[in-house]
Amino acid sequence: MSNVVEFPPSNRPEHQWTESEVDKIHAEAFRDLEGSISDCVWMAVIALEMVERAMEGRDDKQEKAMFAVCEAAIKLKHLKANYYAAWHGEPPAKA
């Protein structure tokens, strides 16, 4: 199989990136996180609401499930707040 276009070899090894290239990749990755973070927050909130309604008793197993879902919701809300703080150049929120 022949190449359609021959590119000259780069003088720079593949693993060496410039600071601006790394910054661009990080910026794109950072921006791409917003939707996923928001989706996770909403799913945790929905799960928390469903678990609260579904629990009829308060035995150890139910308490642990409620704690886990509640903590996930809290931590995801904190992550979202920190994401938006970073987006605006502000310091992260305190836990």
PDB file of N, CA and C in Angstrom:
ATOM      1  N   MET A   1       0.850  -1.179   0.000  1.00  0.00           N
ATOM      2  CA  MET A   1       0.000   0.000   0.000  1.00  0.00           C
ATOM      3  C   MET A   1       0.887   1.232   0.000  1.00  0.00           C
ATOM      4  N   SER A   2       0.599   2.182  -0.838  1.00  0.00           N
ATOM      5  CA  SER A   2       1.430   3.378  -0.915  1.00  0.00           C
ATOM      6  C   SER A   2       0.755   4.546  -0.210  1.00  0.00           C
ATOM      7  N   ASN A   3       1.572   5.451   0.285  1.00  0.00           N
ATOM      8  CA  ASN A   3       1.063   6.651   0.948  1.00  0.00           C
ATOM      9  C   ASN A   3       0.662   7.681  -0.102  1.00  0.00           C
ATOM     10  N   VAL A   4      -0.420   8.365   0.145  1.00  0.00           N
ATOM     11  CA  VAL A   4      -0.861   9.413  -0.761  1.00  0.00           C
ATOM     12  C   VAL A   4       0.019  10.641  -0.588  1.00  0.00           C
ATOM     13  N   VAL A   5       0.296  10.981   0.661  1.00  0.00           N
ATOM     14  CA  VAL A   5       1.122  12.148   0.971  1.00  0.00           C
ATOM     15  C   VAL A   5       2.224  11.712   1.916  1.00  0.00           C
ATOM     16  N   GLU A   6       3.445  12.090   1.618  1.00  0.00           N
ATOM     17  CA  GLU A   6       4.572  11.816   2.501  1.00  0.00           C
ATOM     18  C   GLU A   6       4.835  13.056   3.344  1.00  0.00           C
ATOM     19  N   PHE A   7       4.755  12.901   4.637  1.00  0.00           N
ATOM     20  CA  PHE A   7       5.050  14.005   5.536  1.00  0.00           C
ATOM     21  C   PHE A   7       6.510  13.924   5.954  1.00  0.00           C
ATOM     22  N   PRO A   8       7.186  15.067   6.050  1.00  0.00           N
ATOM     23  CA  PRO A   8       8.573  15.017   6.498  1.00  0.00           C
ATOM     24  C   PRO A   8       8.615  14.596   7.967  1.00  0.00           C
ATOM     25  N   PRO A   9       9.653  13.883   8.355  1.00  0.00           N
ATOM     26  CA  PRO A   9       9.742  13.466   9.757  1.00  0.00           C
ATOM     27  C   PRO A   9       9.920  14.684  10.662  1.00  0.00           C
ATOM     28  N   SER A  10       9.342  14.578  11.840  1.00  0.00           N
ATOM     29  CA  SER A  10       9.450  15.657  12.816  1.00  0.00           C
ATOM     30  C   SER A  10      10.815  15.591  13.482  1.00  0.00           C
ATOM     31  N   ASN A  11      11.378  16.749  13.753  1.00  0.00           N
ATOM     32  CA  ASN A  11      12.653  16.814  14.467  1.00  0.00           C
ATOM     33  C   ASN A  11      12.451  16.617  15.965  1.00  0.00           C
ATOM     34  N   ARG A  12      11.223  16.660  16.401  1.00  0.00           N
ATOM     35  CA  ARG A  12      10.901  16.564  17.811  1.00  0.00           C
ATOM     36  C   ARG A  12      10.370  15.166  18.108  1.00  0.00           C
ATOM     37  N   PRO A  13      10.889  14.506  19.160  1.00  0.00           N
ATOM     38  CA  PRO A  13      10.335  13.192  19.532  1.00  0.00           C
ATOM     39  C   PRO A  13       8.856  13.317  19.893  1.00  0.00           C
ATOM     40  N   GLU A  14       8.093  12.241  19.638  1.00  0.00           N
ATOM     41  CA  GLU A  14       6.650  12.276  19.859  1.00  0.00           C
ATOM     42  C   GLU A  14       6.260  12.622  21.284  1.00  0.00           C
ATOM     43  N   HIS A  15       7.007  12.179  22.260  1.00  0.00           N
ATOM     44  CA  HIS A  15       6.605  12.338  23.653  1.00  0.00           C
ATOM     45  C   HIS A  15       6.875  13.732  24.222  1.00  0.00           C
ATOM     46  N   GLN A  16       7.487  14.622  23.462  1.00  0.00           N
ATOM     47  CA  GLN A  16       7.762  15.967  23.966  1.00  0.00           C
ATOM     48  C   GLN A  16       6.706  16.932  23.428  1.00  0.00           C
ATOM     49  N   TRP A  17       5.950  17.496  24.342  1.00  0.00           N
ATOM     50  CA  TRP A  17       4.885  18.422  23.984  1.00  0.00           C
ATOM     51  C   TRP A  17       5.274  19.816  24.450  1.00  0.00           C
ATOM     52  N   THR A  18       4.846  20.816  23.696  1.00  0.00           N
ATOM     53  CA  THR A  18       5.088  22.181  24.147  1.00  0.00           C
ATOM     54  C   THR A  18       4.074  22.514  25.234  1.00  0.00           C
ATOM     55  N   GLU A  19       4.384  23.526  25.998  1.00  0.00           N
ATOM     56  CA  GLU A  19       3.481  23.934  27.071  1.00  0.00           C
ATOM     57  C   GLU A  19       2.130  24.383  26.515  1.00  0.00           C
ATOM     58  N   SER A  20       2.136  25.076  25.403  1.00  0.00           N
ATOM     59  CA  SER A  20       0.867  25.542  24.824  1.00  0.00           C
ATOM     60  C   SER A  20       0.028  24.369  24.307  1.00  0.00           C
ATOM     61  N   GLU A  21       0.673  23.317  23.779  1.00  0.00           N
ATOM     62  CA  GLU A  21      -0.057  22.125  23.330  1.00  0.00           C
ATOM     63  C   GLU A  21      -0.708  21.420  24.525  1.00  0.00           C
ATOM     64  N   VAL A  22       0.035  21.294  25.601  1.00  0.00           N
ATOM     65  CA  VAL A  22      -0.493  20.658  26.813  1.00  0.00           C
ATOM     66  C   VAL A  22      -1.636  21.495  27.380  1.00  0.00           C
ATOM     67  N   ASP A  23      -1.459  22.814  27.413  1.00  0.00           N
ATOM     68  CA  ASP A  23      -2.518  23.701  27.911  1.00  0.00           C
ATOM     69  C   ASP A  23      -3.789  23.569  27.077  1.00  0.00           C
ATOM     70  N   LYS A  24      -3.645  23.477  25.767  1.00  0.00           N
ATOM     71  CA  LYS A  24      -4.810  23.341  24.892  1.00  0.00           C
ATOM     72  C   LYS A  24      -5.539  22.020  25.157  1.00  0.00           C
ATOM     73  N   ILE A  25      -4.807  20.940  25.296  1.00  0.00           N
ATOM     74  CA  ILE A  25      -5.407  19.628  25.567  1.00  0.00           C
ATOM     75  C   ILE A  25      -6.114  19.642  26.919  1.00  0.00           C
ATOM     76  N   HIS A  26      -5.459  20.209  27.928  1.00  0.00           N
ATOM     77  CA  HIS A  26      -6.077  20.284  29.255  1.00  0.00           C
ATOM     78  C   HIS A  26      -7.328  21.155  29.240  1.00  0.00           C
ATOM     79  N   ALA A  27      -7.294  22.261  28.529  1.00  0.00           N
ATOM     80  CA  ALA A  27      -8.452  23.154  28.452  1.00  0.00           C
ATOM     81  C   ALA A  27      -9.637  22.442  27.801  1.00  0.00           C
ATOM     82  N   GLU A  28      -9.379  21.719  26.722  1.00  0.00           N
ATOM     83  CA  GLU A  28     -10.457  20.988  26.052  1.00  0.00           C
ATOM     84  C   GLU A  28     -11.027  19.906  26.975  1.00  0.00           C
ATOM     85  N   ALA A  29     -10.169  19.193  27.672  1.00  0.00           N
ATOM     86  CA  ALA A  29     -10.628  18.146  28.590  1.00  0.00           C
ATOM     87  C   ALA A  29     -11.441  18.761  29.724  1.00  0.00           C
ATOM     88  N   PHE A  30     -10.981  19.875  30.254  1.00  0.00           N
ATOM     89  CA  PHE A  30     -11.689  20.563  31.331  1.00  0.00           C
ATOM     90  C   PHE A  30     -13.088  20.983  30.882  1.00  0.00           C
ATOM     91  N   ARG A  31     -13.172  21.595  29.701  1.00  0.00           N
ATOM     92  CA  ARG A  31     -14.484  22.029  29.186  1.00  0.00           C
ATOM     93  C   ARG A  31     -15.403  20.838  28.959  1.00  0.00           C
ATOM     94  N   ASP A  32     -14.860  19.741  28.488  1.00  0.00           N
ATOM     95  CA  ASP A  32     -15.660  18.557  28.190  1.00  0.00           C
ATOM     96  C   ASP A  32     -16.242  17.895  29.441  1.00  0.00           C
ATOM     97  N   LEU A  33     -15.689  18.180  30.609  1.00  0.00           N
ATOM     98  CA  LEU A  33     -16.176  17.570  31.848  1.00  0.00           C
ATOM     99  C   LEU A  33     -17.517  18.120  32.324  1.00  0.00           C
ATOM    100  N   GLU A  34     -17.865  19.321  31.937  1.00  0.00           N
ATOM    101  CA  GLU A  34     -19.040  19.994  32.495  1.00  0.00           C
ATOM    102  C   GLU A  34     -20.310  19.165  32.358  1.00  0.00           C
ATOM    103  N   GLY A  35     -20.594  18.651  31.195  1.00  0.00           N
ATOM    104  CA  GLY A  35     -21.807  17.874  30.985  1.00  0.00           C
ATOM    105  C   GLY A  35     -21.846  16.610  31.824  1.00  0.00           C
ATOM    106  N   SER A  36     -20.740  15.902  31.890  1.00  0.00           N
ATOM    107  CA  SER A  36     -20.679  14.670  32.675  1.00  0.00           C
ATOM    108  C   SER A  36     -20.840  14.937  34.163  1.00  0.00           C
ATOM    109  N   ILE A  37     -20.213  15.990  34.640  1.00  0.00           N
ATOM    110  CA  ILE A  37     -20.334  16.343  36.060  1.00  0.00           C
ATOM    111  C   ILE A  37     -21.789  16.682  36.394  1.00  0.00           C
ATOM    112  N   SER A  38     -22.418  17.489  35.550  1.00  0.00           N
ATOM    113  CA  SER A  38     -23.813  17.861  35.792  1.00  0.00           C
ATOM    114  C   SER A  38     -24.728  16.646  35.745  1.00  0.00           C
ATOM    115  N   ASP A  39     -24.501  15.744  34.797  1.00  0.00           N
ATOM    116  CA  ASP A  39     -25.303  14.517  34.721  1.00  0.00           C
ATOM    117  C   ASP A  39     -25.157  13.684  35.990  1.00  0.00           C
ATOM    118  N   CYS A  40     -23.941  13.549  36.479  1.00  0.00           N
ATOM    119  CA  CYS A  40     -23.700  12.774  37.703  1.00  0.00           C
ATOM    120  C   CYS A  40     -24.395  13.393  38.908  1.00  0.00           C
ATOM    121  N   VAL A  41     -24.351  14.706  39.003  1.00  0.00           N
ATOM    122  CA  VAL A  41     -25.010  15.392  40.114  1.00  0.00           C
ATOM    123  C   VAL A  41     -26.508  15.111  40.075  1.00  0.00           C
ATOM    124  N   TRP A  42     -27.116  15.255  38.908  1.00  0.00           N
ATOM    125  CA  TRP A  42     -28.564  15.024  38.809  1.00  0.00           C
ATOM    126  C   TRP A  42     -28.931  13.573  39.101  1.00  0.00           C
ATOM    127  N   MET A  43     -28.131  12.623  38.624  1.00  0.00           N
ATOM    128  CA  MET A  43     -28.415  11.214  38.902  1.00  0.00           C
ATOM    129  C   MET A  43     -28.304  10.914  40.401  1.00  0.00           C
ATOM    130  N   ALA A  44     -27.336  11.525  41.063  1.00  0.00           N
ATOM    131  CA  ALA A  44     -27.186  11.320  42.513  1.00  0.00           C
ATOM    132  C   ALA A  44     -28.369  11.915  43.272  1.00  0.00           C
ATOM    133  N   VAL A  45     -28.830  13.083  42.848  1.00  0.00           N
ATOM    134  CA  VAL A  45     -29.985  13.715  43.495  1.00  0.00           C
ATOM    135  C   VAL A  45     -31.233  12.861  43.290  1.00  0.00           C
ATOM    136  N   ILE A  46     -31.435  12.365  42.087  1.00  0.00           N
ATOM    137  CA  ILE A  46     -32.582  11.494  41.806  1.00  0.00           C
ATOM    138  C   ILE A  46     -32.493  10.218  42.637  1.00  0.00           C
ATOM    139  N   ALA A  47     -31.297   9.618  42.703  1.00  0.00           N
ATOM    140  CA  ALA A  47     -31.113   8.403  43.499  1.00  0.00           C
ATOM    141  C   ALA A  47     -31.420   8.669  44.967  1.00  0.00           C
ATOM    142  N   LEU A  48     -30.985   9.792  45.474  1.00  0.00           N
ATOM    143  CA  LEU A  48     -31.250  10.142  46.872  1.00  0.00           C
ATOM    144  C   LEU A  48     -32.751  10.271  47.124  1.00  0.00           C
ATOM    145  N   GLU A  49     -33.450  10.948  46.239  1.00  0.00           N
ATOM    146  CA  GLU A  49     -34.899  11.095  46.388  1.00  0.00           C
ATOM    147  C   GLU A  49     -35.604   9.741  46.330  1.00  0.00           C
ATOM    148  N   MET A  50     -35.159   8.868  45.427  1.00  0.00           N
ATOM    149  CA  MET A  50     -35.783   7.552  45.296  1.00  0.00           C
ATOM    150  C   MET A  50     -35.516   6.679  46.516  1.00  0.00           C
ATOM    151  N   VAL A  51     -34.302   6.740  47.030  1.00  0.00           N
ATOM    152  CA  VAL A  51     -33.939   5.928  48.199  1.00  0.00           C
ATOM    153  C   VAL A  51     -34.718   6.391  49.423  1.00  0.00           C
ATOM    154  N   GLU A  52     -34.883   7.705  49.572  1.00  0.00           N
ATOM    155  CA  GLU A  52     -35.642   8.228  50.717  1.00  0.00           C
ATOM    156  C   GLU A  52     -37.085   7.724  50.699  1.00  0.00           C
ATOM    157  N   ARG A  53     -37.697   7.720  49.515  1.00  0.00           N
ATOM    158  CA  ARG A  53     -39.087   7.271  49.407  1.00  0.00           C
ATOM    159  C   ARG A  53     -39.220   5.761  49.532  1.00  0.00           C
ATOM    160  N   ALA A  54     -38.212   5.021  49.074  1.00  0.00           N
ATOM    161  CA  ALA A  54     -38.303   3.559  49.028  1.00  0.00           C
ATOM    162  C   ALA A  54     -38.047   2.902  50.382  1.00  0.00           C
ATOM    163  N   MET A  55     -37.343   3.566  51.265  1.00  0.00           N
ATOM    164  CA  MET A  55     -37.002   2.960  52.552  1.00  0.00           C
ATOM    165  C   MET A  55     -38.189   2.959  53.495  1.00  0.00           C
ATOM    166  N   GLU A  56     -38.507   1.787  53.972  1.00  0.00           N
ATOM    167  CA  GLU A  56     -39.605   1.672  54.928  1.00  0.00           C
ATOM    168  C   GLU A  56     -39.085   1.529  56.346  1.00  0.00           C
ATOM    169  N   GLY A  57     -37.933   0.952  56.499  1.00  0.00           N
ATOM    170  CA  GLY A  57     -37.363   0.762  57.822  1.00  0.00           C
ATOM    171  C   GLY A  57     -36.035   1.474  57.933  1.00  0.00           C
ATOM    172  N   ARG A  58     -35.419   1.301  59.065  1.00  0.00           N
ATOM    173  CA  ARG A  58     -34.116   1.928  59.285  1.00  0.00           C
ATOM    174  C   ARG A  58     -33.152   0.935  59.921  1.00  0.00           C
ATOM    175  N   ASP A  59     -33.014  -0.234  59.308  1.00  0.00           N
ATOM    176  CA  ASP A  59     -32.035  -1.173  59.847  1.00  0.00           C
ATOM    177  C   ASP A  59     -30.642  -0.772  59.355  1.00  0.00           C
ATOM    178  N   ASP A  60     -29.635  -1.492  59.776  1.00  0.00           N
ATOM    179  CA  ASP A  60     -28.241  -1.147  59.471  1.00  0.00           C
ATOM    180  C   ASP A  60     -27.976  -1.093  57.966  1.00  0.00           C
ATOM    181  N   LYS A  61     -28.505  -2.067  57.244  1.00  0.00           N
ATOM    182  CA  LYS A  61     -28.291  -2.128  55.803  1.00  0.00           C
ATOM    183  C   LYS A  61     -28.912  -0.919  55.101  1.00  0.00           C
ATOM    184  N   GLN A  62     -30.098  -0.536  55.507  1.00  0.00           N
ATOM    185  CA  GLN A  62     -30.760   0.621  54.921  1.00  0.00           C
ATOM    186  C   GLN A  62     -30.046   1.918  55.270  1.00  0.00           C
ATOM    187  N   GLU A  63     -29.577   2.010  56.491  1.00  0.00           N
ATOM    188  CA  GLU A  63     -28.829   3.209  56.909  1.00  0.00           C
ATOM    189  C   GLU A  63     -27.553   3.362  56.084  1.00  0.00           C
ATOM    190  N   LYS A  64     -26.857   2.260  55.846  1.00  0.00           N
ATOM    191  CA  LYS A  64     -25.625   2.308  55.054  1.00  0.00           C
ATOM    192  C   LYS A  64     -25.917   2.706  53.614  1.00  0.00           C
ATOM    193  N   ALA A  65     -27.000   2.185  53.056  1.00  0.00           N
ATOM    194  CA  ALA A  65     -27.367   2.546  51.686  1.00  0.00           C
ATOM    195  C   ALA A  65     -27.695   4.033  51.598  1.00  0.00           C
ATOM    196  N   MET A  66     -28.465   4.525  52.548  1.00  0.00           N
ATOM    197  CA  MET A  66     -28.827   5.940  52.573  1.00  0.00           C
ATOM    198  C   MET A  66     -27.578   6.808  52.721  1.00  0.00           C
ATOM    199  N   PHE A  67     -26.677   6.405  53.602  1.00  0.00           N
ATOM    200  CA  PHE A  67     -25.441   7.155  53.808  1.00  0.00           C
ATOM    201  C   PHE A  67     -24.628   7.225  52.514  1.00  0.00           C
ATOM    202  N   ALA A  68     -24.484   6.089  51.827  1.00  0.00           N
ATOM    203  CA  ALA A  68     -23.684   6.038  50.603  1.00  0.00           C
ATOM    204  C   ALA A  68     -24.273   6.934  49.516  1.00  0.00           C
ATOM    205  N   VAL A  69     -25.571   6.868  49.321  1.00  0.00           N
ATOM    206  CA  VAL A  69     -26.218   7.690  48.293  1.00  0.00           C
ATOM    207  C   VAL A  69     -26.132   9.164  48.661  1.00  0.00           C
ATOM    208  N   CYS A  70     -26.351   9.473  49.916  1.00  0.00           N
ATOM    209  CA  CYS A  70     -26.287  10.858  50.381  1.00  0.00           C
ATOM    210  C   CYS A  70     -24.874  11.424  50.215  1.00  0.00           C
ATOM    211  N   GLU A  71     -23.882  10.663  50.598  1.00  0.00           N
ATOM    212  CA  GLU A  71     -22.488  11.116  50.462  1.00  0.00           C
ATOM    213  C   GLU A  71     -22.108  11.312  48.999  1.00  0.00           C
ATOM    214  N   ALA A  72     -22.562  10.410  48.123  1.00  0.00           N
ATOM    215  CA  ALA A  72     -22.282  10.563  46.695  1.00  0.00           C
ATOM    216  C   ALA A  72     -22.889  11.868  46.176  1.00  0.00           C
ATOM    217  N   ALA A  73     -24.118  12.151  46.571  1.00  0.00           N
ATOM    218  CA  ALA A  73     -24.777  13.389  46.137  1.00  0.00           C
ATOM    219  C   ALA A  73     -24.017  14.615  46.639  1.00  0.00           C
ATOM    220  N   ILE A  74     -23.623  14.596  47.890  1.00  0.00           N
ATOM    221  CA  ILE A  74     -22.882  15.724  48.478  1.00  0.00           C
ATOM    222  C   ILE A  74     -21.549  15.924  47.771  1.00  0.00           C
ATOM    223  N   LYS A  75     -20.817  14.846  47.573  1.00  0.00           N
ATOM    224  CA  LYS A  75     -19.497  14.948  46.943  1.00  0.00           C
ATOM    225  C   LYS A  75     -19.597  15.403  45.489  1.00  0.00           C
ATOM    226  N   LEU A  76     -20.617  14.953  44.779  1.00  0.00           N
ATOM    227  CA  LEU A  76     -20.787  15.394  43.399  1.00  0.00           C
ATOM    228  C   LEU A  76     -21.190  16.862  43.325  1.00  0.00           C
ATOM    229  N   LYS A  77     -22.013  17.323  44.244  1.00  0.00           N
ATOM    230  CA  LYS A  77     -22.362  18.747  44.281  1.00  0.00           C
ATOM    231  C   LYS A  77     -21.122  19.591  44.574  1.00  0.00           C
ATOM    232  N   HIS A  78     -20.273  19.103  45.470  1.00  0.00           N
ATOM    233  CA  HIS A  78     -19.022  19.793  45.795  1.00  0.00           C
ATOM    234  C   HIS A  78     -18.094  19.821  44.572  1.00  0.00           C
ATOM    235  N   LEU A  79     -18.014  18.706  43.855  1.00  0.00           N
ATOM    236  CA  LEU A  79     -17.197  18.644  42.642  1.00  0.00           C
ATOM    237  C   LEU A  79     -17.691  19.655  41.612  1.00  0.00           C
ATOM    238  N   LYS A  80     -18.994  19.745  41.438  1.00  0.00           N
ATOM    239  CA  LYS A  80     -19.555  20.698  40.478  1.00  0.00           C
ATOM    240  C   LYS A  80     -19.245  22.130  40.898  1.00  0.00           C
ATOM    241  N   ALA A  81     -19.368  22.423  42.186  1.00  0.00           N
ATOM    242  CA  ALA A  81     -19.045  23.773  42.674  1.00  0.00           C
ATOM    243  C   ALA A  81     -17.576  24.098  42.421  1.00  0.00           C
ATOM    244  N   ASN A  82     -16.697  23.146  42.653  1.00  0.00           N
ATOM    245  CA  ASN A  82     -15.272  23.366  42.411  1.00  0.00           C
ATOM    246  C   ASN A  82     -14.967  23.518  40.922  1.00  0.00           C
ATOM    247  N   TYR A  83     -15.682  22.772  40.097  1.00  0.00           N
ATOM    248  CA  TYR A  83     -15.502  22.888  38.647  1.00  0.00           C
ATOM    249  C   TYR A  83     -15.831  24.314  38.203  1.00  0.00           C
ATOM    250  N   TYR A  84     -16.988  24.816  38.642  1.00  0.00           N
ATOM    251  CA  TYR A  84     -17.380  26.171  38.247  1.00  0.00           C
ATOM    252  C   TYR A  84     -16.473  27.226  38.867  1.00  0.00           C
ATOM    253  N   ALA A  85     -15.987  26.995  40.060  1.00  0.00           N
ATOM    254  CA  ALA A  85     -15.028  27.931  40.667  1.00  0.00           C
ATOM    255  C   ALA A  85     -13.756  27.981  39.824  1.00  0.00           C
ATOM    256  N   ALA A  86     -13.262  26.816  39.426  1.00  0.00           N
ATOM    257  CA  ALA A  86     -12.054  26.770  38.591  1.00  0.00           C
ATOM    258  C   ALA A  86     -12.313  27.450  37.247  1.00  0.00           C
ATOM    259  N   TRP A  87     -13.487  27.252  36.690  1.00  0.00           N
ATOM    260  CA  TRP A  87     -13.849  27.870  35.409  1.00  0.00           C
ATOM    261  C   TRP A  87     -13.762  29.391  35.501  1.00  0.00           C
ATOM    262  N   HIS A  88     -14.139  29.946  36.660  1.00  0.00           N
ATOM    263  CA  HIS A  88     -14.116  31.393  36.850  1.00  0.00           C
ATOM    264  C   HIS A  88     -12.835  31.885  37.525  1.00  0.00           C
ATOM    265  N   GLY A  89     -11.855  30.994  37.683  1.00  0.00           N
ATOM    266  CA  GLY A  89     -10.582  31.402  38.267  1.00  0.00           C
ATOM    267  C   GLY A  89     -10.639  31.650  39.750  1.00  0.00           C
ATOM    268  N   GLU A  90     -11.618  31.064  40.416  1.00  0.00           N
ATOM    269  CA  GLU A  90     -11.787  31.251  41.863  1.00  0.00           C
ATOM    270  C   GLU A  90     -11.194  30.070  42.609  1.00  0.00           C
ATOM    271  N   PRO A  91     -10.887  30.232  43.891  1.00  0.00           N
ATOM    272  CA  PRO A  91     -10.372  29.094  44.675  1.00  0.00           C
ATOM    273  C   PRO A  91     -11.471  28.061  44.879  1.00  0.00           C
ATOM    274  N   PRO A  92     -11.102  26.790  45.090  1.00  0.00           N
ATOM    275  CA  PRO A  92     -12.109  25.744  45.306  1.00  0.00           C
ATOM    276  C   PRO A  92     -12.904  25.997  46.588  1.00  0.00           C
ATOM    277  N   ALA A  93     -14.141  25.516  46.580  1.00  0.00           N
ATOM    278  CA  ALA A  93     -14.989  25.632  47.772  1.00  0.00           C
ATOM    279  C   ALA A  93     -14.457  24.739  48.882  1.00  0.00           C
ATOM    280  N   LYS A  94     -14.652  25.170  50.111  1.00  0.00           N
ATOM    281  CA  LYS A  94     -14.219  24.347  51.239  1.00  0.00           C
ATOM    282  C   LYS A  94     -15.261  23.285  51.514  1.00  0.00           C
ATOM    283  N   ALA A  95     -14.793  22.106  51.887  1.00  0.00           N
ATOM    284  CA  ALA A  95     -15.700  20.982  52.156  1.00  0.00           C
ATOM    285  C   ALA A  95     -16.440  21.173  53.445  1.00  0.00           C
TER     286      ALA A  95
END
